[in-house]
PDB file of N, CA and C in Angstrom:
ATOM      1  N   UNK A   1     129.973 227.150 154.983  1.00  0.00           N
ATOM      2  CA  UNK A   1     131.042 228.088 153.667  1.00  0.00           C
ATOM      3  C   UNK A   1     130.023 228.765 153.323  1.00  0.00           C
ATOM      4  N   UNK A   2     129.287 229.855 153.735  1.00  0.00           N
ATOM      5  CA  UNK A   2     128.441 230.547 152.597  1.00  0.00           C
ATOM      6  C   UNK A   2     128.750 230.843 151.194  1.00  0.00           C
ATOM      7  N   UNK A   3     130.437 230.958 150.987  1.00  0.00           N
ATOM      8  CA  UNK A   3     130.797 231.761 149.888  1.00  0.00           C
ATOM      9  C   UNK A   3     130.475 230.337 148.772  1.00  0.00           C
ATOM     10  N   UNK A   4     130.796 229.412 149.564  1.00  0.00           N
ATOM     11  CA  UNK A   4     130.871 228.173 148.619  1.00  0.00           C
ATOM     12  C   UNK A   4     129.152 227.728 147.769  1.00  0.00           C
ATOM     13  N   UNK A   5     128.300 228.272 148.297  1.00  0.00           N
ATOM     14  CA  UNK A   5     126.718 228.300 147.659  1.00  0.00           C
ATOM     15  C   UNK A   5     126.725 229.365 146.792  1.00  0.00           C
ATOM     16  N   UNK A   6     127.214 230.461 146.815  1.00  0.00           N
ATOM     17  CA  UNK A   6     126.666 231.832 145.821  1.00  0.00           C
ATOM     18  C   UNK A   6     127.213 231.228 144.316  1.00  0.00           C
ATOM     19  N   UNK A   7     126.375 231.685 143.450  1.00  0.00           N
ATOM     20  CA  UNK A   7     126.686 231.721 142.145  1.00  0.00           C
ATOM     21  C   UNK A   7     127.286 233.170 141.768  1.00  0.00           C
ATOM     22  N   UNK A   8     128.747 232.977 141.360  1.00  0.00           N
ATOM     23  CA  UNK A   8     129.102 234.002 140.756  1.00  0.00           C
ATOM     24  C   UNK A   8     129.161 234.869 139.543  1.00  0.00           C
ATOM     25  N   UNK A   9     128.584 233.921 138.733  1.00  0.00           N
ATOM     26  CA  UNK A   9     127.961 234.802 137.881  1.00  0.00           C
ATOM     27  C   UNK A   9     126.965 235.110 137.773  1.00  0.00           C
ATOM     28  N   UNK A  10     126.188 235.058 138.681  1.00  0.00           N
ATOM     29  CA  UNK A  10     124.756 235.968 138.876  1.00  0.00           C
ATOM     30  C   UNK A  10     125.138 237.125 139.066  1.00  0.00           C
ATOM     31  N   UNK A  11     124.414 238.302 138.554  1.00  0.00           N
ATOM     32  CA  UNK A  11     124.856 239.646 139.011  1.00  0.00           C
ATOM     33  C   UNK A  11     124.046 240.423 140.374  1.00  0.00           C
ATOM     34  N   UNK A  12     124.180 240.932 140.750  1.00  0.00           N
ATOM     35  CA  UNK A  12     123.452 241.707 141.932  1.00  0.00           C
ATOM     36  C   UNK A  12     121.909 242.272 141.468  1.00  0.00           C
ATOM     37  N   UNK A  13     121.078 241.892 142.111  1.00  0.00           N
ATOM     38  CA  UNK A  13     119.670 242.393 142.081  1.00  0.00           C
ATOM     39  C   UNK A  13     119.717 244.036 141.367  1.00  0.00           C
ATOM     40  N   UNK A  14     120.020 244.865 141.925  1.00  0.00           N
ATOM     41  CA  UNK A  14     120.199 246.079 141.310  1.00  0.00           C
ATOM     42  C   UNK A  14     120.521 246.290 140.318  1.00  0.00           C
ATOM     43  N   UNK A  15     121.549 245.480 139.861  1.00  0.00           N
ATOM     44  CA  UNK A  15     122.214 245.832 138.239  1.00  0.00           C
ATOM     45  C   UNK A  15     121.238 245.211 137.529  1.00  0.00           C
ATOM     46  N   UNK A  16     120.673 244.056 137.566  1.00  0.00           N
ATOM     47  CA  UNK A  16     119.578 243.501 137.286  1.00  0.00           C
ATOM     48  C   UNK A  16     118.012 244.268 136.523  1.00  0.00           C
ATOM     49  N   UNK A  17     117.924 244.699 137.930  1.00  0.00           N
ATOM     50  CA  UNK A  17     116.720 245.676 137.773  1.00  0.00           C
ATOM     51  C   UNK A  17     116.944 246.679 136.978  1.00  0.00           C
ATOM     52  N   UNK A  18     118.370 247.524 137.102  1.00  0.00           N
ATOM     53  CA  UNK A  18     118.675 248.983 136.443  1.00  0.00           C
ATOM     54  C   UNK A  18     118.629 248.136 134.802  1.00  0.00           C
ATOM     55  N   UNK A  19     119.113 247.063 134.536  1.00  0.00           N
ATOM     56  CA  UNK A  19     119.093 246.360 133.176  1.00  0.00           C
ATOM     57  C   UNK A  19     117.863 246.047 132.199  1.00  0.00           C
ATOM     58  N   UNK A  20     116.934 246.101 133.204  1.00  0.00           N
ATOM     59  CA  UNK A  20     115.633 245.990 133.045  1.00  0.00           C
ATOM     60  C   UNK A  20     114.606 247.174 132.814  1.00  0.00           C
ATOM     61  N   UNK A  21     115.127 247.842 133.525  1.00  0.00           N
ATOM     62  CA  UNK A  21     114.219 249.424 133.399  1.00  0.00           C
ATOM     63  C   UNK A  21     115.191 250.280 132.051  1.00  0.00           C
ATOM     64  N   UNK A  22     116.311 250.061 131.869  1.00  0.00           N
ATOM     65  CA  UNK A  22     117.085 250.464 130.446  1.00  0.00           C
ATOM     66  C   UNK A  22     116.632 249.840 129.101  1.00  0.00           C
ATOM     67  N   UNK A  23     116.525 248.743 129.356  1.00  0.00           N
ATOM     68  CA  UNK A  23     116.162 247.756 128.386  1.00  0.00           C
ATOM     69  C   UNK A  23     114.569 248.424 127.637  1.00  0.00           C
ATOM     70  N   UNK A  24     113.516 248.438 128.781  1.00  0.00           N
ATOM     71  CA  UNK A  24     112.472 248.621 128.679  1.00  0.00           C
ATOM     72  C   UNK A  24     111.902 250.033 128.262  1.00  0.00           C
ATOM     73  N   UNK A  25     112.941 250.794 128.604  1.00  0.00           N
ATOM     74  CA  UNK A  25     112.765 252.459 128.399  1.00  0.00           C
ATOM     75  C   UNK A  25     111.631 252.935 127.407  1.00  0.00           C
ATOM     76  N   UNK A  26     112.051 252.321 126.341  1.00  0.00           N
ATOM     77  CA  UNK A  26     111.365 252.944 125.317  1.00  0.00           C
ATOM     78  C   UNK A  26     109.850 252.133 125.478  1.00  0.00           C
ATOM     79  N   UNK A  27     109.787 251.166 125.655  1.00  0.00           N
ATOM     80  CA  UNK A  27     108.510 250.596 125.384  1.00  0.00           C
ATOM     81  C   UNK A  27     107.372 251.027 126.959  1.00  0.00           C
ATOM     82  N   UNK A  28     108.344 251.392 128.067  1.00  0.00           N
ATOM     83  CA  UNK A  28     107.771 251.753 129.342  1.00  0.00           C
ATOM     84  C   UNK A  28     107.343 250.880 130.050  1.00  0.00           C
ATOM     85  N   UNK A  29     107.253 250.701 131.742  1.00  0.00           N
ATOM     86  CA  UNK A  29     107.128 249.687 132.524  1.00  0.00           C
ATOM     87  C   UNK A  29     106.761 250.185 133.741  1.00  0.00           C
ATOM     88  N   UNK A  30     106.366 249.665 134.905  1.00  0.00           N
ATOM     89  CA  UNK A  30     105.803 249.514 135.682  1.00  0.00           C
ATOM     90  C   UNK A  30     106.515 249.127 137.306  1.00  0.00           C
ATOM     91  N   UNK A  31     106.421 249.449 138.472  1.00  0.00           N
ATOM     92  CA  UNK A  31     106.909 249.216 139.234  1.00  0.00           C
ATOM     93  C   UNK A  31     106.344 247.540 139.242  1.00  0.00           C
ATOM     94  N   UNK A  32     105.240 246.897 138.976  1.00  0.00           N
ATOM     95  CA  UNK A  32     104.931 245.513 139.223  1.00  0.00           C
ATOM     96  C   UNK A  32     105.461 245.033 138.200  1.00  0.00           C
ATOM     97  N   UNK A  33     105.764 245.495 137.032  1.00  0.00           N
ATOM     98  CA  UNK A  33     106.574 244.563 135.842  1.00  0.00           C
ATOM     99  C   UNK A  33     107.788 244.376 136.227  1.00  0.00           C
ATOM    100  N   UNK A  34     108.429 245.691 136.892  1.00  0.00           N
ATOM    101  CA  UNK A  34     109.802 245.159 137.960  1.00  0.00           C
ATOM    102  C   UNK A  34     109.753 244.231 138.275  1.00  0.00           C
ATOM    103  N   UNK A  35     109.061 244.415 139.572  1.00  0.00           N
ATOM    104  CA  UNK A  35     108.828 243.118 140.298  1.00  0.00           C
ATOM    105  C   UNK A  35     108.785 241.702 139.828  1.00  0.00           C
ATOM    106  N   UNK A  36     107.924 241.831 138.554  1.00  0.00           N
ATOM    107  CA  UNK A  36     107.618 240.284 138.177  1.00  0.00           C
ATOM    108  C   UNK A  36     109.115 239.986 137.405  1.00  0.00           C
ATOM    109  N   UNK A  37     109.833 240.808 137.252  1.00  0.00           N
ATOM    110  CA  UNK A  37     110.610 240.323 136.422  1.00  0.00           C
ATOM    111  C   UNK A  37     111.851 240.065 137.489  1.00  0.00           C
ATOM    112  N   UNK A  38     112.307 240.725 138.804  1.00  0.00           N
ATOM    113  CA  UNK A  38     113.249 240.654 139.882  1.00  0.00           C
ATOM    114  C   UNK A  38     112.804 239.349 140.421  1.00  0.00           C
ATOM    115  N   UNK A  39     111.662 238.967 140.626  1.00  0.00           N
ATOM    116  CA  UNK A  39     110.914 238.191 141.859  1.00  0.00           C
ATOM    117  C   UNK A  39     111.344 236.649 141.933  1.00  0.00           C
ATOM    118  N   UNK A  40     111.327 236.258 140.627  1.00  0.00           N
ATOM    119  CA  UNK A  40     111.745 235.015 140.088  1.00  0.00           C
ATOM    120  C   UNK A  40     113.408 234.348 140.306  1.00  0.00           C
ATOM    121  N   UNK A  41     114.273 235.682 140.318  1.00  0.00           N
ATOM    122  CA  UNK A  41     115.302 235.199 140.380  1.00  0.00           C
ATOM    123  C   UNK A  41     115.763 235.557 141.692  1.00  0.00           C
ATOM    124  N   UNK A  42     115.303 236.093 142.124  1.00  0.00           N
ATOM    125  CA  UNK A  42     116.012 236.898 143.658  1.00  0.00           C
ATOM    126  C   UNK A  42     115.025 236.674 144.672  1.00  0.00           C
ATOM    127  N   UNK A  43     115.265 236.249 145.574  1.00  0.00           N
ATOM    128  CA  UNK A  43     114.423 236.221 146.889  1.00  0.00           C
ATOM    129  C   UNK A  43     114.647 238.017 147.596  1.00  0.00           C
ATOM    130  N   UNK A  44     113.570 238.727 147.585  1.00  0.00           N
ATOM    131  CA  UNK A  44     113.734 240.161 147.782  1.00  0.00           C
ATOM    132  C   UNK A  44     112.333 240.297 149.037  1.00  0.00           C
ATOM    133  N   UNK A  45     112.297 241.431 149.454  1.00  0.00           N
ATOM    134  CA  UNK A  45     111.382 241.878 150.321  1.00  0.00           C
ATOM    135  C   UNK A  45     110.863 242.848 149.606  1.00  0.00           C
ATOM    136  N   UNK A  46     109.596 243.193 149.581  1.00  0.00           N
ATOM    137  CA  UNK A  46     108.733 243.639 148.400  1.00  0.00           C
ATOM    138  C   UNK A  46     109.043 245.503 148.724  1.00  0.00           C
ATOM    139  N   UNK A  47     109.592 245.481 149.939  1.00  0.00           N
ATOM    140  CA  UNK A  47     110.284 247.102 150.456  1.00  0.00           C
ATOM    141  C   UNK A  47     111.686 247.126 149.523  1.00  0.00           C
ATOM    142  N   UNK A  48     112.452 246.370 148.834  1.00  0.00           N
ATOM    143  CA  UNK A  48     113.404 246.457 148.420  1.00  0.00           C
ATOM    144  C   UNK A  48     113.155 246.886 147.000  1.00  0.00           C
ATOM    145  N   UNK A  49     112.410 246.331 146.399  1.00  0.00           N
ATOM    146  CA  UNK A  49     112.378 246.876 145.088  1.00  0.00           C
ATOM    147  C   UNK A  49     111.456 247.973 144.939  1.00  0.00           C
ATOM    148  N   UNK A  50     110.439 248.332 145.995  1.00  0.00           N
ATOM    149  CA  UNK A  50     109.759 249.663 145.950  1.00  0.00           C
ATOM    150  C   UNK A  50     110.549 250.963 146.467  1.00  0.00           C
ATOM    151  N   UNK A  51     111.640 250.346 146.921  1.00  0.00           N
ATOM    152  CA  UNK A  51     112.714 251.631 147.363  1.00  0.00           C
ATOM    153  C   UNK A  51     113.508 251.887 146.338  1.00  0.00           C
ATOM    154  N   UNK A  52     113.630 250.537 145.625  1.00  0.00           N
ATOM    155  CA  UNK A  52     114.843 251.101 144.115  1.00  0.00           C
ATOM    156  C   UNK A  52     114.153 251.687 143.435  1.00  0.00           C
ATOM    157  N   UNK A  53     112.805 251.581 143.280  1.00  0.00           N
ATOM    158  CA  UNK A  53     111.791 252.099 142.077  1.00  0.00           C
ATOM    159  C   UNK A  53     112.025 253.703 142.624  1.00  0.00           C
ATOM    160  N   UNK A  54     111.422 253.783 143.676  1.00  0.00           N
ATOM    161  CA  UNK A  54     111.419 255.398 144.299  1.00  0.00           C
ATOM    162  C   UNK A  54     112.550 255.845 143.582  1.00  0.00           C
ATOM    163  N   UNK A  55     114.105 255.496 144.725  1.00  0.00           N
ATOM    164  CA  UNK A  55     115.142 256.297 144.621  1.00  0.00           C
ATOM    165  C   UNK A  55     115.820 256.269 143.251  1.00  0.00           C
ATOM    166  N   UNK A  56     115.495 255.254 142.574  1.00  0.00           N
ATOM    167  CA  UNK A  56     116.255 255.130 140.826  1.00  0.00           C
ATOM    168  C   UNK A  56     115.928 255.489 139.838  1.00  0.00           C
ATOM    169  N   UNK A  57     114.479 255.179 139.783  1.00  0.00           N
ATOM    170  CA  UNK A  57     113.760 255.577 138.753  1.00  0.00           C
ATOM    171  C   UNK A  57     112.176 256.916 139.008  1.00  0.00           C
ATOM    172  N   UNK A  58     111.756 256.675 139.935  1.00  0.00           N
ATOM    173  CA  UNK A  58     111.213 257.751 140.176  1.00  0.00           C
ATOM    174  C   UNK A  58     111.649 259.086 140.151  1.00  0.00           C
ATOM    175  N   UNK A  59     111.941 258.767 141.264  1.00  0.00           N
ATOM    176  CA  UNK A  59     112.723 260.741 141.719  1.00  0.00           C
ATOM    177  C   UNK A  59     114.368 260.159 142.123  1.00  0.00           C
ATOM    178  N   UNK A  60     115.364 260.073 140.750  1.00  0.00           N
ATOM    179  CA  UNK A  60     116.867 259.895 141.655  1.00  0.00           C
ATOM    180  C   UNK A  60     117.073 260.985 142.096  1.00  0.00           C
ATOM    181  N   UNK A  61     118.118 260.640 142.447  1.00  0.00           N
ATOM    182  CA  UNK A  61     119.164 261.705 143.651  1.00  0.00           C
ATOM    183  C   UNK A  61     119.748 263.136 142.509  1.00  0.00           C
ATOM    184  N   UNK A  62     119.586 264.268 142.669  1.00  0.00           N
ATOM    185  CA  UNK A  62     119.929 265.206 141.877  1.00  0.00           C
ATOM    186  C   UNK A  62     119.075 265.597 140.853  1.00  0.00           C
ATOM    187  N   UNK A  63     117.807 265.031 140.829  1.00  0.00           N
ATOM    188  CA  UNK A  63     116.780 265.739 140.037  1.00  0.00           C
ATOM    189  C   UNK A  63     115.562 266.098 140.665  1.00  0.00           C
ATOM    190  N   UNK A  64     115.518 267.506 139.996  1.00  0.00           N
ATOM    191  CA  UNK A  64     114.411 268.366 141.098  1.00  0.00           C
ATOM    192  C   UNK A  64     112.938 267.852 140.647  1.00  0.00           C
ATOM    193  N   UNK A  65     112.718 266.976 139.691  1.00  0.00           N
ATOM    194  CA  UNK A  65     111.060 266.691 139.180  1.00  0.00           C
ATOM    195  C   UNK A  65     111.350 265.260 139.152  1.00  0.00           C
ATOM    196  N   UNK A  66     110.392 264.796 139.330  1.00  0.00           N
ATOM    197  CA  UNK A  66     109.978 263.045 139.099  1.00  0.00           C
ATOM    198  C   UNK A  66     110.469 263.153 137.316  1.00  0.00           C
ATOM    199  N   UNK A  67     110.416 261.547 137.437  1.00  0.00           N
ATOM    200  CA  UNK A  67     111.520 261.207 135.911  1.00  0.00           C
ATOM    201  C   UNK A  67     110.612 261.746 134.712  1.00  0.00           C
ATOM    202  N   UNK A  68     110.869 261.919 133.580  1.00  0.00           N
ATOM    203  CA  UNK A  68     110.248 262.437 132.224  1.00  0.00           C
ATOM    204  C   UNK A  68     109.704 261.347 131.753  1.00  0.00           C
ATOM    205  N   UNK A  69     108.401 261.244 131.237  1.00  0.00           N
ATOM    206  CA  UNK A  69     107.621 260.086 130.749  1.00  0.00           C
ATOM    207  C   UNK A  69     107.061 260.774 129.576  1.00  0.00           C
ATOM    208  N   UNK A  70     106.984 260.246 128.542  1.00  0.00           N
ATOM    209  CA  UNK A  70     106.102 260.662 127.278  1.00  0.00           C
ATOM    210  C   UNK A  70     105.620 259.669 126.390  1.00  0.00           C
ATOM    211  N   UNK A  71     103.877 259.611 126.597  1.00  0.00           N
ATOM    212  CA  UNK A  71     103.241 258.844 126.008  1.00  0.00           C
ATOM    213  C   UNK A  71     103.376 258.901 124.580  1.00  0.00           C
ATOM    214  N   UNK A  72     104.069 257.647 124.154  1.00  0.00           N
ATOM    215  CA  UNK A  72     103.734 257.331 122.620  1.00  0.00           C
ATOM    216  C   UNK A  72     103.004 255.933 122.467  1.00  0.00           C
ATOM    217  N   UNK A  73     102.723 256.003 120.682  1.00  0.00           N
ATOM    218  CA  UNK A  73     101.876 255.220 120.255  1.00  0.00           C
ATOM    219  C   UNK A  73     102.318 253.602 120.706  1.00  0.00           C
ATOM    220  N   UNK A  74     103.591 253.398 120.827  1.00  0.00           N
ATOM    221  CA  UNK A  74     104.211 252.102 121.019  1.00  0.00           C
ATOM    222  C   UNK A  74     104.065 251.999 122.822  1.00  0.00           C
ATOM    223  N   UNK A  75     104.015 252.643 123.608  1.00  0.00           N
ATOM    224  CA  UNK A  75     104.132 252.626 125.197  1.00  0.00           C
ATOM    225  C   UNK A  75     104.434 253.868 125.843  1.00  0.00           C
ATOM    226  N   UNK A  76     105.447 253.918 126.074  1.00  0.00           N
ATOM    227  CA  UNK A  76     106.341 255.170 126.736  1.00  0.00           C
ATOM    228  C   UNK A  76     107.539 255.697 126.161  1.00  0.00           C
ATOM    229  N   UNK A  77     108.099 256.441 126.318  1.00  0.00           N
ATOM    230  CA  UNK A  77     109.508 256.781 126.310  1.00  0.00           C
ATOM    231  C   UNK A  77     109.923 257.558 127.568  1.00  0.00           C
ATOM    232  N   UNK A  78     111.043 256.753 128.101  1.00  0.00           N
ATOM    233  CA  UNK A  78     111.538 257.246 129.483  1.00  0.00           C
ATOM    234  C   UNK A  78     112.845 257.152 129.201  1.00  0.00           C
ATOM    235  N   UNK A  79     113.569 258.710 129.753  1.00  0.00           N
ATOM    236  CA  UNK A  79     115.208 258.347 129.402  1.00  0.00           C
ATOM    237  C   UNK A  79     115.502 258.089 130.837  1.00  0.00           C
ATOM    238  N   UNK A  80     116.322 257.417 131.301  1.00  0.00           N
ATOM    239  CA  UNK A  80     117.134 256.581 132.092  1.00  0.00           C
ATOM    240  C   UNK A  80     117.846 257.727 132.614  1.00  0.00           C
ATOM    241  N   UNK A  81     117.765 257.987 134.049  1.00  0.00           N
ATOM    242  CA  UNK A  81     119.024 258.615 134.875  1.00  0.00           C
ATOM    243  C   UNK A  81     120.341 258.284 134.231  1.00  0.00           C
ATOM    244  N   UNK A  82     121.344 259.141 134.154  1.00  0.00           N
ATOM    245  CA  UNK A  82     122.700 258.634 133.731  1.00  0.00           C
ATOM    246  C   UNK A  82     123.367 257.776 134.840  1.00  0.00           C
ATOM    247  N   UNK A  83     122.558 258.164 135.784  1.00  0.00           N
ATOM    248  CA  UNK A  83     123.645 257.323 136.972  1.00  0.00           C
ATOM    249  C   UNK A  83     123.259 255.601 137.045  1.00  0.00           C
ATOM    250  N   UNK A  84     122.015 255.456 136.684  1.00  0.00           N
ATOM    251  CA  UNK A  84     121.588 254.429 136.606  1.00  0.00           C
ATOM    252  C   UNK A  84     122.173 253.873 135.107  1.00  0.00           C
ATOM    253  N   UNK A  85     122.147 254.360 134.234  1.00  0.00           N
ATOM    254  CA  UNK A  85     123.088 253.748 133.066  1.00  0.00           C
ATOM    255  C   UNK A  85     124.935 253.449 133.506  1.00  0.00           C
ATOM    256  N   UNK A  86     125.297 254.526 134.129  1.00  0.00           N
ATOM    257  CA  UNK A  86     126.834 254.485 134.575  1.00  0.00           C
ATOM    258  C   UNK A  86     126.673 252.924 135.676  1.00  0.00           C
ATOM    259  N   UNK A  87     125.659 252.734 136.403  1.00  0.00           N
ATOM    260  CA  UNK A  87     126.145 251.595 137.342  1.00  0.00           C
ATOM    261  C   UNK A  87     126.526 250.288 136.305  1.00  0.00           C
ATOM    262  N   UNK A  88     125.400 250.125 135.433  1.00  0.00           N
ATOM    263  CA  UNK A  88     125.432 248.998 134.997  1.00  0.00           C
ATOM    264  C   UNK A  88     126.819 249.012 134.171  1.00  0.00           C
ATOM    265  N   UNK A  89     127.264 250.092 133.220  1.00  0.00           N
ATOM    266  CA  UNK A  89     128.264 250.128 132.838  1.00  0.00           C
ATOM    267  C   UNK A  89     129.720 249.916 133.443  1.00  0.00           C
ATOM    268  N   UNK A  90     129.687 250.601 134.561  1.00  0.00           N
ATOM    269  CA  UNK A  90     130.656 250.215 135.531  1.00  0.00           C
ATOM    270  C   UNK A  90     130.826 248.653 135.869  1.00  0.00           C
ATOM    271  N   UNK A  91     129.594 248.097 135.906  1.00  0.00           N
ATOM    272  CA  UNK A  91     129.381 246.488 136.598  1.00  0.00           C
ATOM    273  C   UNK A  91     130.369 245.678 135.361  1.00  0.00           C
ATOM    274  N   UNK A  92     129.527 246.322 134.232  1.00  0.00           N
ATOM    275  CA  UNK A  92     130.065 245.740 133.055  1.00  0.00           C
ATOM    276  C   UNK A  92     131.726 245.458 132.952  1.00  0.00           C
ATOM    277  N   UNK A  93     132.204 246.697 133.248  1.00  0.00           N
ATOM    278  CA  UNK A  93     133.639 246.763 133.051  1.00  0.00           C
ATOM    279  C   UNK A  93     134.306 246.103 133.875  1.00  0.00           C
ATOM    280  N   UNK A  94     133.726 245.940 135.327  1.00  0.00           N
ATOM    281  CA  UNK A  94     134.327 245.443 136.310  1.00  0.00           C
ATOM    282  C   UNK A  94     134.427 243.815 136.187  1.00  0.00           C
ATOM    283  N   UNK A  95     133.628 243.524 135.482  1.00  0.00           N
ATOM    284  CA  UNK A  95     133.719 242.035 135.161  1.00  0.00           C
ATOM    285  C   UNK A  95     134.892 241.860 134.325  1.00  0.00           C
ATOM    286  N   UNK A  96     134.636 242.323 133.022  1.00  0.00           N
ATOM    287  CA  UNK A  96     135.601 242.328 132.297  1.00  0.00           C
ATOM    288  C   UNK A  96     137.077 242.022 132.888  1.00  0.00           C
ATOM    289  N   UNK A  97     137.247 243.432 133.996  1.00  0.00           N
ATOM    290  CA  UNK A  97     138.695 243.571 134.608  1.00  0.00           C
ATOM    291  C   UNK A  97     138.949 242.298 135.294  1.00  0.00           C
ATOM    292  N   UNK A  98     137.943 241.628 135.814  1.00  0.00           N
ATOM    293  CA  UNK A  98     138.217 240.654 136.718  1.00  0.00           C
ATOM    294  C   UNK A  98     138.607 239.348 135.771  1.00  0.00           C
ATOM    295  N   UNK A  99     137.808 239.153 134.509  1.00  0.00           N
ATOM    296  CA  UNK A  99     138.071 238.189 133.661  1.00  0.00           C
ATOM    297  C   UNK A  99     139.427 238.329 132.840  1.00  0.00           C
ATOM    298  N   UNK A 100     139.821 239.715 133.084  1.00  0.00           N
ATOM    299  CA  UNK A 100     141.064 239.735 132.045  1.00  0.00           C
ATOM    300  C   UNK A 100     142.327 239.470 133.322  1.00  0.00           C
ATOM    301  N   UNK A 101     142.004 239.935 134.931  1.00  0.00           N
ATOM    302  CA  UNK A 101     142.966 239.404 135.495  1.00  0.00           C
ATOM    303  C   UNK A 101     143.026 237.939 135.875  1.00  0.00           C
ATOM    304  N   UNK A 102     142.328 237.190 135.544  1.00  0.00           N
ATOM    305  CA  UNK A 102     142.092 235.658 135.734  1.00  0.00           C
ATOM    306  C   UNK A 102     142.952 235.616 134.736  1.00  0.00           C
ATOM    307  N   UNK A 103     143.204 235.655 133.282  1.00  0.00           N
ATOM    308  CA  UNK A 103     143.746 235.322 132.111  1.00  0.00           C
ATOM    309  C   UNK A 103     145.490 236.023 132.389  1.00  0.00           C
ATOM    310  N   UNK A 104     145.356 236.865 132.804  1.00  0.00           N
ATOM    311  CA  UNK A 104     146.945 237.787 132.962  1.00  0.00           C
ATOM    312  C   UNK A 104     147.299 236.645 134.402  1.00  0.00           C
ATOM    313  N   UNK A 105     146.740 236.302 134.926  1.00  0.00           N
ATOM    314  CA  UNK A 105     146.942 234.940 136.168  1.00  0.00           C
ATOM    315  C   UNK A 105     147.607 233.768 135.333  1.00  0.00           C
ATOM    316  N   UNK A 106     146.980 233.136 134.869  1.00  0.00           N
ATOM    317  CA  UNK A 106     147.302 231.957 134.244  1.00  0.00           C
ATOM    318  C   UNK A 106     148.039 232.139 133.256  1.00  0.00           C
ATOM    319  N   UNK A 107     148.173 232.955 132.508  1.00  0.00           N
ATOM    320  CA  UNK A 107     149.539 233.395 131.832  1.00  0.00           C
ATOM    321  C   UNK A 107     150.820 233.713 132.412  1.00  0.00           C
ATOM    322  N   UNK A 108     150.643 234.328 133.634  1.00  0.00           N
ATOM    323  CA  UNK A 108     152.350 234.179 134.300  1.00  0.00           C
ATOM    324  C   UNK A 108     151.993 232.921 135.150  1.00  0.00           C
ATOM    325  N   UNK A 109     151.705 232.072 135.377  1.00  0.00           N
ATOM    326  CA  UNK A 109     152.010 231.009 135.758  1.00  0.00           C
ATOM    327  C   UNK A 109     152.405 229.974 134.775  1.00  0.00           C
ATOM    328  N   UNK A 110     151.856 230.081 133.402  1.00  0.00           N
ATOM    329  CA  UNK A 110     152.716 229.141 132.290  1.00  0.00           C
ATOM    330  C   UNK A 110     153.453 229.949 132.025  1.00  0.00           C
ATOM    331  N   UNK A 111     153.914 231.168 132.457  1.00  0.00           N
ATOM    332  CA  UNK A 111     155.367 231.768 131.695  1.00  0.00           C
ATOM    333  C   UNK A 111     156.555 231.421 132.967  1.00  0.00           C
ATOM    334  N   UNK A 112     155.861 231.008 134.023  1.00  0.00           N
ATOM    335  CA  UNK A 112     156.880 230.996 135.392  1.00  0.00           C
ATOM    336  C   UNK A 112     157.321 229.261 135.111  1.00  0.00           C
ATOM    337  N   UNK A 113     156.486 228.539 134.736  1.00  0.00           N
ATOM    338  CA  UNK A 113     156.655 227.156 134.001  1.00  0.00           C
ATOM    339  C   UNK A 113     157.636 226.891 132.889  1.00  0.00           C
ATOM    340  N   UNK A 114     156.981 228.126 131.858  1.00  0.00           N
ATOM    341  CA  UNK A 114     158.164 227.729 131.132  1.00  0.00           C
ATOM    342  C   UNK A 114     159.814 227.878 131.319  1.00  0.00           C
ATOM    343  N   UNK A 115     159.994 229.333 131.987  1.00  0.00           N
ATOM    344  CA  UNK A 115     160.939 229.399 132.551  1.00  0.00           C
ATOM    345  C   UNK A 115     162.056 228.601 133.390  1.00  0.00           C
ATOM    346  N   UNK A 116     160.656 227.721 133.946  1.00  0.00           N
ATOM    347  CA  UNK A 116     161.593 227.138 134.832  1.00  0.00           C
ATOM    348  C   UNK A 116     162.088 225.879 134.336  1.00  0.00           C
ATOM    349  N   UNK A 117     161.170 225.349 133.411  1.00  0.00           N
ATOM    350  CA  UNK A 117     161.809 224.264 132.323  1.00  0.00           C
ATOM    351  C   UNK A 117     163.073 224.985 131.875  1.00  0.00           C
ATOM    352  N   UNK A 118     163.001 226.052 131.200  1.00  0.00           N
ATOM    353  CA  UNK A 118     163.805 226.300 130.346  1.00  0.00           C
ATOM    354  C   UNK A 118     165.483 226.760 131.206  1.00  0.00           C
ATOM    355  N   UNK A 119     164.786 226.606 132.677  1.00  0.00           N
ATOM    356  CA  UNK A 119     166.216 226.670 133.406  1.00  0.00           C
ATOM    357  C   UNK A 119     167.060 225.228 133.429  1.00  0.00           C
ATOM    358  N   UNK A 120     166.031 224.578 133.791  1.00  0.00           N
ATOM    359  CA  UNK A 120     166.673 223.269 134.367  1.00  0.00           C
ATOM    360  C   UNK A 120     167.208 222.475 132.855  1.00  0.00           C
ATOM    361  N   UNK A 121     166.436 222.665 131.605  1.00  0.00           N
ATOM    362  CA  UNK A 121     167.218 222.143 130.590  1.00  0.00           C
ATOM    363  C   UNK A 121     168.638 222.788 130.230  1.00  0.00           C
ATOM    364  N   UNK A 122     168.537 224.228 130.428  1.00  0.00           N
ATOM    365  CA  UNK A 122     169.861 224.745 130.333  1.00  0.00           C
ATOM    366  C   UNK A 122     171.213 223.937 131.273  1.00  0.00           C
ATOM    367  N   UNK A 123     170.650 223.722 132.406  1.00  0.00           N
ATOM    368  CA  UNK A 123     171.845 223.238 133.289  1.00  0.00           C
ATOM    369  C   UNK A 123     172.282 222.376 133.078  1.00  0.00           C
TER     370      UNK A 123
END
């Protein structure tokens, strides 16, 4: 049973990579830095990270030119594509919805138990 071995708290590597890129946007980062961040937590082929970097960072879909990068004193300023930010936001919102759904499930179980006890006591 493969699903028993999975860690459901760990987010997909693409989300972790996107978080790294957005968190380091002002300092600047390289493909090597991204790879060093992802490798310890996820077992991936080098091509996966290279493809992510090319598609999401260097030349995202819908953008005519490569990413905007301005050299600053602290490193570099890079404005992440809105698509990348949306992926993280959507993932975080989905996690919150799942958590709220679990809480609602348990509250409904408690409500059923209380109503059953109330019914038995009144009879």
